[in-house]
Amino acid sequence: MRGMMLAALLAASGGPAAADEFTDVVEQALAAYRGGDVAGAREDLDYALKLLTEVKAKSLEGFLPAAPAGWTREAAEAEGAGMAMAMFGGGAAAAATYRREAAEFTLTLIADSPMVSGIAAMVSGMASLAGSESRRIQRTSFAVSDGLLQGVVDGRVLVSAEGTASPDEMAAVIETMDFEALAAF
């Protein structure tokens, strides 16, 4: 896997590209590698991969819907999710908090993380637990329990809403998302 990423990073540095932090770091990795500093090259490539993950996470934010009429939306920290993903093999995360009067919830998206497949199995099982229910949004199964609404789009993107808003309010916002485009992310 790392070999494939290294090849992709090295190939990406071969063509004309505008100077930015990513290309600068890849150039440093190449220079370190050519100079025999394999440890330094690996460190630079690890950092370049982190930069690519940040770019992907930024693009994931575009799938978070606008606030419905009467609601506000603000960016939320997905850092907790990001730290968890780092522990479980990586991925990208984005989140937004929606508020209307006393109701609020945070909608979090986690993509391309190995932990999502495990969560998908848990979501299926949660609906069968006492006090939990199952809900379908755009042909995707969601588990609803104790202020939490979770589903997995295309087996790889976790959509999770949690807060004091009702499941119907959270589902209405999730319903506005483009799951087809999200699956292709």
N, C-alpha and C. Protein backbone atom coordinates (compact mmCIF):
# COMPACT_ATOMS: atom_id res chain seq x y z
N MET A 1 0.83 -1.19 0.00
CA MET A 1 0.00 0.00 0.00
C MET A 1 0.87 1.26 0.00
N ARG A 2 1.86 1.29 0.89
CA ARG A 2 2.74 2.46 0.95
C ARG A 2 3.51 2.62 -0.34
N GLY A 3 3.88 1.49 -0.96
CA GLY A 3 4.60 1.55 -2.23
C GLY A 3 3.75 2.19 -3.30
N MET A 4 2.45 1.86 -3.31
CA MET A 4 1.55 2.45 -4.29
C MET A 4 1.40 3.94 -4.03
N MET A 5 1.28 4.33 -2.76
CA MET A 5 1.17 5.75 -2.44
C MET A 5 2.43 6.49 -2.82
N LEU A 6 3.59 5.87 -2.55
CA LEU A 6 4.87 6.49 -2.91
C LEU A 6 4.93 6.71 -4.42
N ALA A 7 4.55 5.67 -5.19
CA ALA A 7 4.57 5.80 -6.65
C ALA A 7 3.65 6.92 -7.11
N ALA A 8 2.45 7.00 -6.53
CA ALA A 8 1.50 8.05 -6.91
C ALA A 8 2.05 9.43 -6.56
N LEU A 9 2.66 9.55 -5.40
CA LEU A 9 3.23 10.83 -5.00
C LEU A 9 4.39 11.22 -5.90
N LEU A 10 5.23 10.25 -6.23
CA LEU A 10 6.37 10.55 -7.09
C LEU A 10 5.90 10.92 -8.49
N ALA A 11 4.89 10.21 -8.99
CA ALA A 11 4.35 10.53 -10.31
C ALA A 11 3.72 11.92 -10.32
N ALA A 12 3.07 12.26 -9.23
CA ALA A 12 2.42 13.57 -9.14
C ALA A 12 3.43 14.70 -9.19
N SER A 13 4.64 14.42 -8.75
CA SER A 13 5.64 15.49 -8.73
C SER A 13 6.35 15.65 -10.07
N GLY A 14 6.10 14.74 -11.02
CA GLY A 14 6.83 14.75 -12.29
C GLY A 14 6.38 15.80 -13.28
N GLY A 15 5.14 16.19 -13.25
CA GLY A 15 4.62 17.12 -14.25
C GLY A 15 4.66 18.55 -13.76
N PRO A 16 4.29 19.47 -14.64
CA PRO A 16 4.27 20.87 -14.21
C PRO A 16 3.15 21.09 -13.20
N ALA A 17 3.47 21.66 -12.09
CA ALA A 17 2.48 21.92 -11.05
C ALA A 17 2.83 23.21 -10.36
N ALA A 18 1.81 23.90 -9.94
CA ALA A 18 2.03 25.13 -9.20
C ALA A 18 2.67 24.78 -7.86
N ALA A 19 3.58 25.61 -7.43
CA ALA A 19 4.25 25.37 -6.16
C ALA A 19 3.23 25.54 -5.03
N ASP A 20 3.14 24.55 -4.19
CA ASP A 20 2.32 24.61 -2.99
C ASP A 20 2.99 23.72 -1.96
N GLU A 21 2.43 23.68 -0.78
CA GLU A 21 3.08 22.92 0.28
C GLU A 21 3.21 21.45 -0.09
N PHE A 22 2.18 20.86 -0.69
CA PHE A 22 2.24 19.44 -1.07
C PHE A 22 3.39 19.18 -2.03
N THR A 23 3.45 19.94 -3.12
CA THR A 23 4.50 19.68 -4.10
C THR A 23 5.88 19.98 -3.51
N ASP A 24 5.97 20.99 -2.66
CA ASP A 24 7.25 21.29 -1.99
C ASP A 24 7.70 20.10 -1.15
N VAL A 25 6.78 19.51 -0.40
CA VAL A 25 7.12 18.38 0.47
C VAL A 25 7.51 17.16 -0.36
N VAL A 26 6.80 16.92 -1.47
CA VAL A 26 7.15 15.79 -2.34
C VAL A 26 8.54 16.02 -2.95
N GLU A 27 8.83 17.24 -3.35
CA GLU A 27 10.17 17.56 -3.88
C GLU A 27 11.24 17.30 -2.81
N GLN A 28 10.94 17.68 -1.56
CA GLN A 28 11.88 17.42 -0.46
C GLN A 28 12.08 15.93 -0.27
N ALA A 29 11.00 15.16 -0.39
CA ALA A 29 11.09 13.71 -0.25
C ALA A 29 11.97 13.13 -1.34
N LEU A 30 11.79 13.60 -2.57
CA LEU A 30 12.62 13.13 -3.68
C LEU A 30 14.09 13.48 -3.45
N ALA A 31 14.34 14.68 -3.00
CA ALA A 31 15.73 15.09 -2.74
C ALA A 31 16.34 14.24 -1.63
N ALA A 32 15.56 13.99 -0.58
CA ALA A 32 16.06 13.15 0.51
C ALA A 32 16.34 11.73 0.02
N TYR A 33 15.43 11.20 -0.78
CA TYR A 33 15.59 9.84 -1.31
C TYR A 33 16.83 9.76 -2.20
N ARG A 34 16.97 10.73 -3.10
CA ARG A 34 18.13 10.75 -3.99
C ARG A 34 19.43 10.91 -3.22
N GLY A 35 19.36 11.58 -2.07
CA GLY A 35 20.53 11.77 -1.22
C GLY A 35 20.80 10.61 -0.27
N GLY A 36 19.97 9.58 -0.36
CA GLY A 36 20.18 8.40 0.49
C GLY A 36 19.50 8.48 1.85
N ASP A 37 18.75 9.51 2.10
CA ASP A 37 18.06 9.67 3.39
C ASP A 37 16.65 9.08 3.29
N VAL A 38 16.57 7.76 3.40
CA VAL A 38 15.30 7.07 3.26
C VAL A 38 14.34 7.45 4.39
N ALA A 39 14.86 7.57 5.60
CA ALA A 39 14.01 7.93 6.74
C ALA A 39 13.41 9.33 6.54
N GLY A 40 14.22 10.26 6.08
CA GLY A 40 13.73 11.61 5.82
C GLY A 40 12.71 11.64 4.69
N ALA A 41 12.96 10.84 3.64
CA ALA A 41 12.02 10.76 2.52
C ALA A 41 10.68 10.21 3.00
N ARG A 42 10.73 9.19 3.83
CA ARG A 42 9.49 8.61 4.35
C ARG A 42 8.74 9.61 5.22
N GLU A 43 9.46 10.32 6.05
CA GLU A 43 8.83 11.33 6.91
C GLU A 43 8.14 12.40 6.06
N ASP A 44 8.83 12.84 5.00
CA ASP A 44 8.23 13.84 4.11
C ASP A 44 7.00 13.28 3.40
N LEU A 45 7.08 12.03 2.93
CA LEU A 45 5.93 11.43 2.24
C LEU A 45 4.75 11.23 3.19
N ASP A 46 5.03 10.86 4.44
CA ASP A 46 3.95 10.73 5.42
C ASP A 46 3.26 12.08 5.61
N TYR A 47 4.05 13.15 5.66
CA TYR A 47 3.47 14.48 5.81
C TYR A 47 2.68 14.86 4.56
N ALA A 48 3.19 14.50 3.38
CA ALA A 48 2.47 14.79 2.12
C ALA A 48 1.13 14.06 2.11
N LEU A 49 1.10 12.83 2.60
CA LEU A 49 -0.17 12.09 2.68
C LEU A 49 -1.14 12.78 3.63
N LYS A 50 -0.63 13.32 4.72
CA LYS A 50 -1.48 14.07 5.65
C LYS A 50 -2.08 15.29 4.95
N LEU A 51 -1.28 15.97 4.15
CA LEU A 51 -1.78 17.13 3.41
C LEU A 51 -2.87 16.72 2.43
N LEU A 52 -2.69 15.59 1.74
CA LEU A 52 -3.72 15.11 0.81
C LEU A 52 -5.01 14.75 1.55
N THR A 53 -4.88 14.17 2.73
CA THR A 53 -6.06 13.83 3.54
C THR A 53 -6.81 15.10 3.92
N GLU A 54 -6.07 16.16 4.25
CA GLU A 54 -6.72 17.43 4.58
C GLU A 54 -7.46 18.00 3.38
N VAL A 55 -6.88 17.88 2.19
CA VAL A 55 -7.54 18.36 0.97
C VAL A 55 -8.82 17.57 0.74
N LYS A 56 -8.74 16.25 0.92
CA LYS A 56 -9.92 15.41 0.72
C LYS A 56 -11.00 15.74 1.76
N ALA A 57 -10.59 15.95 3.00
CA ALA A 57 -11.56 16.31 4.05
C ALA A 57 -12.23 17.63 3.72
N LYS A 58 -11.47 18.58 3.19
CA LYS A 58 -12.03 19.88 2.81
C LYS A 58 -13.09 19.70 1.72
N SER A 59 -12.82 18.82 0.77
CA SER A 59 -13.81 18.60 -0.29
C SER A 59 -15.02 17.85 0.24
N LEU A 60 -14.85 17.05 1.29
CA LEU A 60 -15.98 16.34 1.91
C LEU A 60 -16.97 17.33 2.53
N GLU A 61 -16.46 18.47 2.99
CA GLU A 61 -17.32 19.50 3.58
C GLU A 61 -18.41 19.95 2.60
N GLY A 62 -18.11 19.89 1.32
CA GLY A 62 -19.06 20.31 0.30
C GLY A 62 -20.33 19.46 0.27
N PHE A 63 -20.31 18.30 0.88
CA PHE A 63 -21.49 17.43 0.92
C PHE A 63 -22.41 17.75 2.09
N LEU A 64 -21.94 18.56 3.03
CA LEU A 64 -22.79 18.96 4.16
C LEU A 64 -23.81 19.96 3.65
N PRO A 65 -25.09 19.69 3.86
CA PRO A 65 -26.12 20.57 3.28
C PRO A 65 -26.19 21.94 3.95
N ALA A 66 -26.74 22.88 3.20
CA ALA A 66 -27.00 24.21 3.74
C ALA A 66 -28.06 24.09 4.83
N ALA A 67 -28.12 25.08 5.69
CA ALA A 67 -29.13 25.07 6.76
C ALA A 67 -30.52 25.28 6.14
N PRO A 68 -31.48 24.49 6.59
CA PRO A 68 -32.85 24.71 6.10
C PRO A 68 -33.39 26.05 6.62
N ALA A 69 -34.47 26.51 6.05
CA ALA A 69 -35.09 27.76 6.49
C ALA A 69 -35.35 27.71 7.99
N GLY A 70 -34.96 28.76 8.68
CA GLY A 70 -35.17 28.85 10.13
C GLY A 70 -34.04 28.25 10.95
N TRP A 71 -33.09 27.60 10.31
CA TRP A 71 -31.94 26.99 10.99
C TRP A 71 -30.68 27.78 10.65
N THR A 72 -29.65 27.62 11.47
CA THR A 72 -28.32 28.14 11.16
C THR A 72 -27.37 26.95 11.05
N ARG A 73 -26.30 27.18 10.33
CA ARG A 73 -25.27 26.14 10.19
C ARG A 73 -23.92 26.77 10.41
N GLU A 74 -23.09 26.09 11.17
CA GLU A 74 -21.71 26.54 11.34
C GLU A 74 -20.79 25.34 11.31
N ALA A 75 -19.58 25.57 10.88
CA ALA A 75 -18.59 24.49 10.83
C ALA A 75 -18.39 23.94 12.23
N ALA A 76 -18.23 22.65 12.30
CA ALA A 76 -17.96 21.99 13.58
C ALA A 76 -16.62 21.28 13.47
N GLU A 77 -16.00 21.10 14.58
CA GLU A 77 -14.72 20.40 14.59
C GLU A 77 -14.94 18.91 14.37
N ALA A 78 -14.23 18.37 13.42
CA ALA A 78 -14.27 16.92 13.19
C ALA A 78 -12.98 16.31 13.72
N GLU A 79 -12.27 17.07 14.59
CA GLU A 79 -10.98 16.61 15.09
C GLU A 79 -11.08 15.31 15.85
N GLY A 80 -12.11 15.16 16.68
CA GLY A 80 -12.25 13.91 17.42
C GLY A 80 -12.38 12.75 16.46
N ALA A 81 -13.14 12.95 15.42
CA ALA A 81 -13.30 11.91 14.40
C ALA A 81 -11.97 11.69 13.69
N GLY A 82 -11.25 12.78 13.42
CA GLY A 82 -9.96 12.67 12.74
C GLY A 82 -8.95 11.89 13.57
N MET A 83 -8.93 12.15 14.88
CA MET A 83 -8.03 11.41 15.75
C MET A 83 -8.40 9.94 15.79
N ALA A 84 -9.69 9.66 15.87
CA ALA A 84 -10.15 8.27 15.88
C ALA A 84 -9.77 7.59 14.57
N MET A 85 -9.93 8.31 13.45
CA MET A 85 -9.59 7.72 12.16
C MET A 85 -8.11 7.42 12.07
N ALA A 86 -7.28 8.30 12.60
CA ALA A 86 -5.85 8.06 12.57
C ALA A 86 -5.52 6.76 13.32
N MET A 87 -6.22 6.52 14.42
CA MET A 87 -6.00 5.31 15.19
C MET A 87 -6.49 4.08 14.43
N PHE A 88 -7.48 4.24 13.56
CA PHE A 88 -8.06 3.11 12.86
C PHE A 88 -7.73 3.08 11.37
N GLY A 89 -6.65 3.73 10.95
CA GLY A 89 -6.20 3.59 9.58
C GLY A 89 -6.45 4.75 8.65
N GLY A 90 -6.94 5.88 9.13
CA GLY A 90 -7.08 7.06 8.29
C GLY A 90 -8.46 7.27 7.74
N GLY A 91 -8.57 8.22 6.83
CA GLY A 91 -9.85 8.60 6.25
C GLY A 91 -9.99 10.11 6.30
N ALA A 92 -11.17 10.58 5.91
CA ALA A 92 -11.45 12.02 5.90
C ALA A 92 -12.73 12.27 6.68
N ALA A 93 -12.81 13.42 7.34
CA ALA A 93 -13.99 13.76 8.13
C ALA A 93 -14.36 15.22 7.94
N ALA A 94 -15.65 15.49 8.01
CA ALA A 94 -16.17 16.86 7.96
C ALA A 94 -17.41 16.91 8.84
N ALA A 95 -17.68 18.07 9.42
CA ALA A 95 -18.83 18.19 10.31
C ALA A 95 -19.37 19.61 10.30
N ALA A 96 -20.68 19.71 10.57
CA ALA A 96 -21.34 21.01 10.71
C ALA A 96 -22.40 20.87 11.80
N THR A 97 -22.63 21.97 12.51
CA THR A 97 -23.66 22.00 13.55
C THR A 97 -24.82 22.86 13.06
N TYR A 98 -26.02 22.32 13.22
CA TYR A 98 -27.25 22.99 12.79
C TYR A 98 -28.03 23.36 14.04
N ARG A 99 -28.57 24.61 14.09
CA ARG A 99 -29.31 25.09 15.27
C ARG A 99 -30.58 25.81 14.85
N ARG A 100 -31.63 25.57 15.67
CA ARG A 100 -32.88 26.32 15.55
C ARG A 100 -33.49 26.33 16.95
N GLU A 101 -33.56 27.51 17.52
CA GLU A 101 -34.06 27.68 18.89
C GLU A 101 -33.33 26.70 19.82
N ALA A 102 -34.05 25.84 20.53
CA ALA A 102 -33.41 24.92 21.48
C ALA A 102 -32.91 23.64 20.82
N ALA A 103 -33.30 23.41 19.58
CA ALA A 103 -32.89 22.19 18.88
C ALA A 103 -31.56 22.40 18.18
N GLU A 104 -30.69 21.42 18.27
CA GLU A 104 -29.42 21.46 17.56
C GLU A 104 -28.91 20.04 17.34
N PHE A 105 -28.08 19.90 16.32
CA PHE A 105 -27.42 18.61 16.09
C PHE A 105 -26.18 18.84 15.25
N THR A 106 -25.24 17.93 15.37
CA THR A 106 -24.03 17.97 14.57
C THR A 106 -24.09 16.83 13.57
N LEU A 107 -23.89 17.17 12.32
CA LEU A 107 -23.87 16.20 11.24
C LEU A 107 -22.41 15.97 10.87
N THR A 108 -21.96 14.72 10.99
CA THR A 108 -20.57 14.36 10.72
C THR A 108 -20.52 13.35 9.58
N LEU A 109 -19.58 13.57 8.68
CA LEU A 109 -19.32 12.64 7.59
C LEU A 109 -17.92 12.08 7.76
N ILE A 110 -17.78 10.77 7.67
CA ILE A 110 -16.47 10.12 7.74
C ILE A 110 -16.37 9.20 6.53
N ALA A 111 -15.34 9.44 5.71
CA ALA A 111 -15.20 8.67 4.47
C ALA A 111 -13.86 7.93 4.44
N ASP A 112 -13.89 6.78 3.80
CA ASP A 112 -12.69 6.01 3.51
C ASP A 112 -11.87 5.64 4.74
N SER A 113 -12.55 5.34 5.81
CA SER A 113 -11.90 4.88 7.02
C SER A 113 -12.24 3.41 7.23
N PRO A 114 -11.25 2.59 7.55
CA PRO A 114 -11.55 1.18 7.79
C PRO A 114 -12.59 0.97 8.90
N MET A 115 -12.70 1.92 9.81
CA MET A 115 -13.66 1.75 10.90
C MET A 115 -15.10 1.86 10.42
N VAL A 116 -15.33 2.47 9.24
CA VAL A 116 -16.70 2.65 8.75
C VAL A 116 -17.37 1.31 8.46
N SER A 117 -16.64 0.35 7.92
CA SER A 117 -17.26 -0.95 7.63
C SER A 117 -17.72 -1.63 8.92
N GLY A 118 -16.98 -1.48 9.98
CA GLY A 118 -17.40 -2.03 11.27
C GLY A 118 -18.62 -1.31 11.80
N ILE A 119 -18.67 -0.01 11.61
CA ILE A 119 -19.82 0.77 12.05
C ILE A 119 -21.05 0.38 11.24
N ALA A 120 -20.86 0.09 9.95
CA ALA A 120 -21.99 -0.31 9.11
C ALA A 120 -22.66 -1.55 9.68
N ALA A 121 -21.88 -2.51 10.13
CA ALA A 121 -22.45 -3.72 10.73
C ALA A 121 -23.16 -3.39 12.04
N MET A 122 -22.59 -2.47 12.82
CA MET A 122 -23.23 -2.09 14.08
C MET A 122 -24.54 -1.36 13.83
N VAL A 123 -24.57 -0.50 12.80
CA VAL A 123 -25.79 0.25 12.48
C VAL A 123 -26.91 -0.74 12.17
N SER A 124 -26.61 -1.77 11.41
CA SER A 124 -27.61 -2.78 11.09
C SER A 124 -28.11 -3.48 12.35
N GLY A 125 -27.21 -3.78 13.24
CA GLY A 125 -27.58 -4.46 14.48
C GLY A 125 -28.28 -3.58 15.49
N MET A 126 -27.99 -2.27 15.48
CA MET A 126 -28.59 -1.35 16.45
C MET A 126 -30.10 -1.28 16.31
N ALA A 127 -30.58 -1.38 15.09
CA ALA A 127 -32.02 -1.25 14.86
C ALA A 127 -32.79 -2.38 15.53
N SER A 128 -32.14 -3.49 15.78
CA SER A 128 -32.83 -4.61 16.40
C SER A 128 -32.81 -4.53 17.93
N LEU A 129 -32.03 -3.61 18.48
CA LEU A 129 -31.96 -3.46 19.94
C LEU A 129 -33.20 -2.76 20.47
N ALA A 130 -33.53 -3.07 21.70
CA ALA A 130 -34.67 -2.41 22.35
C ALA A 130 -34.40 -0.92 22.42
N GLY A 131 -35.40 -0.13 22.11
CA GLY A 131 -35.27 1.32 22.17
C GLY A 131 -34.68 1.94 20.91
N SER A 132 -34.33 1.13 19.96
CA SER A 132 -33.78 1.63 18.71
C SER A 132 -34.79 1.39 17.59
N GLU A 133 -34.67 2.19 16.56
CA GLU A 133 -35.53 1.99 15.40
C GLU A 133 -34.70 2.13 14.14
N SER A 134 -35.25 1.65 13.06
CA SER A 134 -34.59 1.74 11.77
C SER A 134 -35.34 2.76 10.92
N ARG A 135 -34.59 3.52 10.13
CA ARG A 135 -35.19 4.51 9.24
C ARG A 135 -34.44 4.44 7.92
N ARG A 136 -35.14 4.63 6.86
CA ARG A 136 -34.53 4.59 5.53
C ARG A 136 -34.55 6.00 4.93
N ILE A 137 -33.38 6.47 4.51
CA ILE A 137 -33.24 7.77 3.86
C ILE A 137 -32.51 7.51 2.55
N GLN A 138 -33.13 7.86 1.46
CA GLN A 138 -32.55 7.66 0.13
C GLN A 138 -32.01 6.23 -0.05
N ARG A 139 -32.81 5.27 0.31
CA ARG A 139 -32.47 3.84 0.17
C ARG A 139 -31.28 3.41 1.01
N THR A 140 -30.94 4.20 2.01
CA THR A 140 -29.87 3.85 2.94
C THR A 140 -30.48 3.66 4.32
N SER A 141 -30.13 2.55 4.98
CA SER A 141 -30.65 2.27 6.32
C SER A 141 -29.91 3.09 7.36
N PHE A 142 -30.68 3.70 8.25
CA PHE A 142 -30.14 4.47 9.37
C PHE A 142 -30.69 3.88 10.65
N ALA A 143 -29.86 3.84 11.68
CA ALA A 143 -30.31 3.44 13.00
C ALA A 143 -30.56 4.71 13.81
N VAL A 144 -31.65 4.73 14.55
CA VAL A 144 -32.03 5.88 15.37
C VAL A 144 -32.09 5.42 16.82
N SER A 145 -31.32 6.09 17.68
CA SER A 145 -31.32 5.71 19.09
C SER A 145 -30.75 6.85 19.93
N ASP A 146 -31.49 7.26 20.95
CA ASP A 146 -31.01 8.24 21.93
C ASP A 146 -30.35 9.47 21.31
N GLY A 147 -31.03 10.15 20.41
CA GLY A 147 -30.51 11.38 19.83
C GLY A 147 -29.43 11.16 18.79
N LEU A 148 -29.28 9.94 18.31
CA LEU A 148 -28.25 9.61 17.33
C LEU A 148 -28.90 8.95 16.12
N LEU A 149 -28.55 9.44 14.94
CA LEU A 149 -29.04 8.89 13.68
C LEU A 149 -27.80 8.57 12.85
N GLN A 150 -27.60 7.27 12.52
CA GLN A 150 -26.39 6.87 11.80
C GLN A 150 -26.72 5.93 10.65
N GLY A 151 -26.04 6.16 9.53
CA GLY A 151 -26.15 5.29 8.37
C GLY A 151 -24.84 5.33 7.60
N VAL A 152 -24.65 4.35 6.73
CA VAL A 152 -23.44 4.27 5.94
C VAL A 152 -23.83 4.26 4.46
N VAL A 153 -23.36 5.26 3.73
CA VAL A 153 -23.64 5.40 2.30
C VAL A 153 -22.59 4.62 1.51
N ASP A 154 -23.05 3.76 0.65
CA ASP A 154 -22.19 2.99 -0.25
C ASP A 154 -21.13 2.17 0.50
N GLY A 155 -21.40 1.81 1.74
CA GLY A 155 -20.47 0.98 2.51
C GLY A 155 -19.18 1.66 2.88
N ARG A 156 -19.04 2.98 2.64
CA ARG A 156 -17.77 3.63 2.93
C ARG A 156 -17.84 5.04 3.48
N VAL A 157 -19.04 5.63 3.53
CA VAL A 157 -19.16 6.99 4.07
C VAL A 157 -20.19 6.98 5.21
N LEU A 158 -19.72 7.20 6.42
CA LEU A 158 -20.59 7.27 7.58
C LEU A 158 -21.26 8.64 7.61
N VAL A 159 -22.58 8.64 7.77
CA VAL A 159 -23.35 9.86 7.95
C VAL A 159 -23.95 9.75 9.35
N SER A 160 -23.55 10.64 10.23
CA SER A 160 -23.96 10.56 11.63
C SER A 160 -24.47 11.91 12.10
N ALA A 161 -25.68 11.92 12.65
CA ALA A 161 -26.26 13.15 13.20
C ALA A 161 -26.58 12.89 14.67
N GLU A 162 -26.17 13.82 15.51
CA GLU A 162 -26.39 13.64 16.95
C GLU A 162 -26.68 14.97 17.60
N GLY A 163 -27.70 14.98 18.46
CA GLY A 163 -28.01 16.20 19.18
C GLY A 163 -29.39 16.17 19.78
N THR A 164 -29.90 17.36 20.10
CA THR A 164 -31.20 17.47 20.77
C THR A 164 -32.35 17.60 19.78
N ALA A 165 -32.04 17.80 18.50
CA ALA A 165 -33.09 17.88 17.48
C ALA A 165 -33.77 16.51 17.38
N SER A 166 -34.99 16.51 16.92
CA SER A 166 -35.71 15.25 16.78
C SER A 166 -35.14 14.45 15.61
N PRO A 167 -35.33 13.14 15.63
CA PRO A 167 -34.89 12.33 14.49
C PRO A 167 -35.50 12.81 13.17
N ASP A 168 -36.75 13.28 13.21
CA ASP A 168 -37.38 13.78 11.99
C ASP A 168 -36.67 15.03 11.48
N GLU A 169 -36.27 15.94 12.38
CA GLU A 169 -35.57 17.15 11.97
C GLU A 169 -34.20 16.81 11.37
N MET A 170 -33.48 15.89 12.03
CA MET A 170 -32.16 15.49 11.52
C MET A 170 -32.31 14.79 10.17
N ALA A 171 -33.29 13.90 10.07
CA ALA A 171 -33.51 13.16 8.82
C ALA A 171 -33.86 14.10 7.67
N ALA A 172 -34.61 15.16 7.96
CA ALA A 172 -35.00 16.11 6.91
C ALA A 172 -33.77 16.80 6.32
N VAL A 173 -32.79 17.11 7.14
CA VAL A 173 -31.56 17.73 6.64
C VAL A 173 -30.74 16.69 5.86
N ILE A 174 -30.63 15.50 6.39
CA ILE A 174 -29.87 14.44 5.72
C ILE A 174 -30.50 14.12 4.36
N GLU A 175 -31.81 14.17 4.29
CA GLU A 175 -32.53 13.88 3.04
C GLU A 175 -32.12 14.81 1.91
N THR A 176 -31.65 16.01 2.24
CA THR A 176 -31.26 16.98 1.20
C THR A 176 -29.87 16.70 0.62
N MET A 177 -29.15 15.77 1.20
CA MET A 177 -27.80 15.45 0.72
C MET A 177 -27.86 14.67 -0.59
N ASP A 178 -26.81 14.78 -1.37
CA ASP A 178 -26.69 14.04 -2.62
C ASP A 178 -25.91 12.75 -2.34
N PHE A 179 -26.63 11.68 -1.98
CA PHE A 179 -25.98 10.42 -1.64
C PHE A 179 -25.26 9.81 -2.85
N GLU A 180 -25.79 10.02 -4.05
CA GLU A 180 -25.15 9.47 -5.23
C GLU A 180 -23.77 10.09 -5.43
N ALA A 181 -23.68 11.39 -5.30
CA ALA A 181 -22.39 12.07 -5.42
C ALA A 181 -21.49 11.71 -4.25
N LEU A 182 -22.05 11.57 -3.07
CA LEU A 182 -21.27 11.20 -1.89
C LEU A 182 -20.67 9.81 -2.08
N ALA A 183 -21.41 8.90 -2.66
CA ALA A 183 -20.89 7.55 -2.91
C ALA A 183 -19.73 7.58 -3.89
N ALA A 184 -19.72 8.54 -4.80
CA ALA A 184 -18.65 8.66 -5.78
C ALA A 184 -17.45 9.45 -5.25
N PHE A 185 -17.55 10.01 -4.06
CA PHE A 185 -16.50 10.84 -3.47
C PHE A 185 -15.21 10.06 -3.33
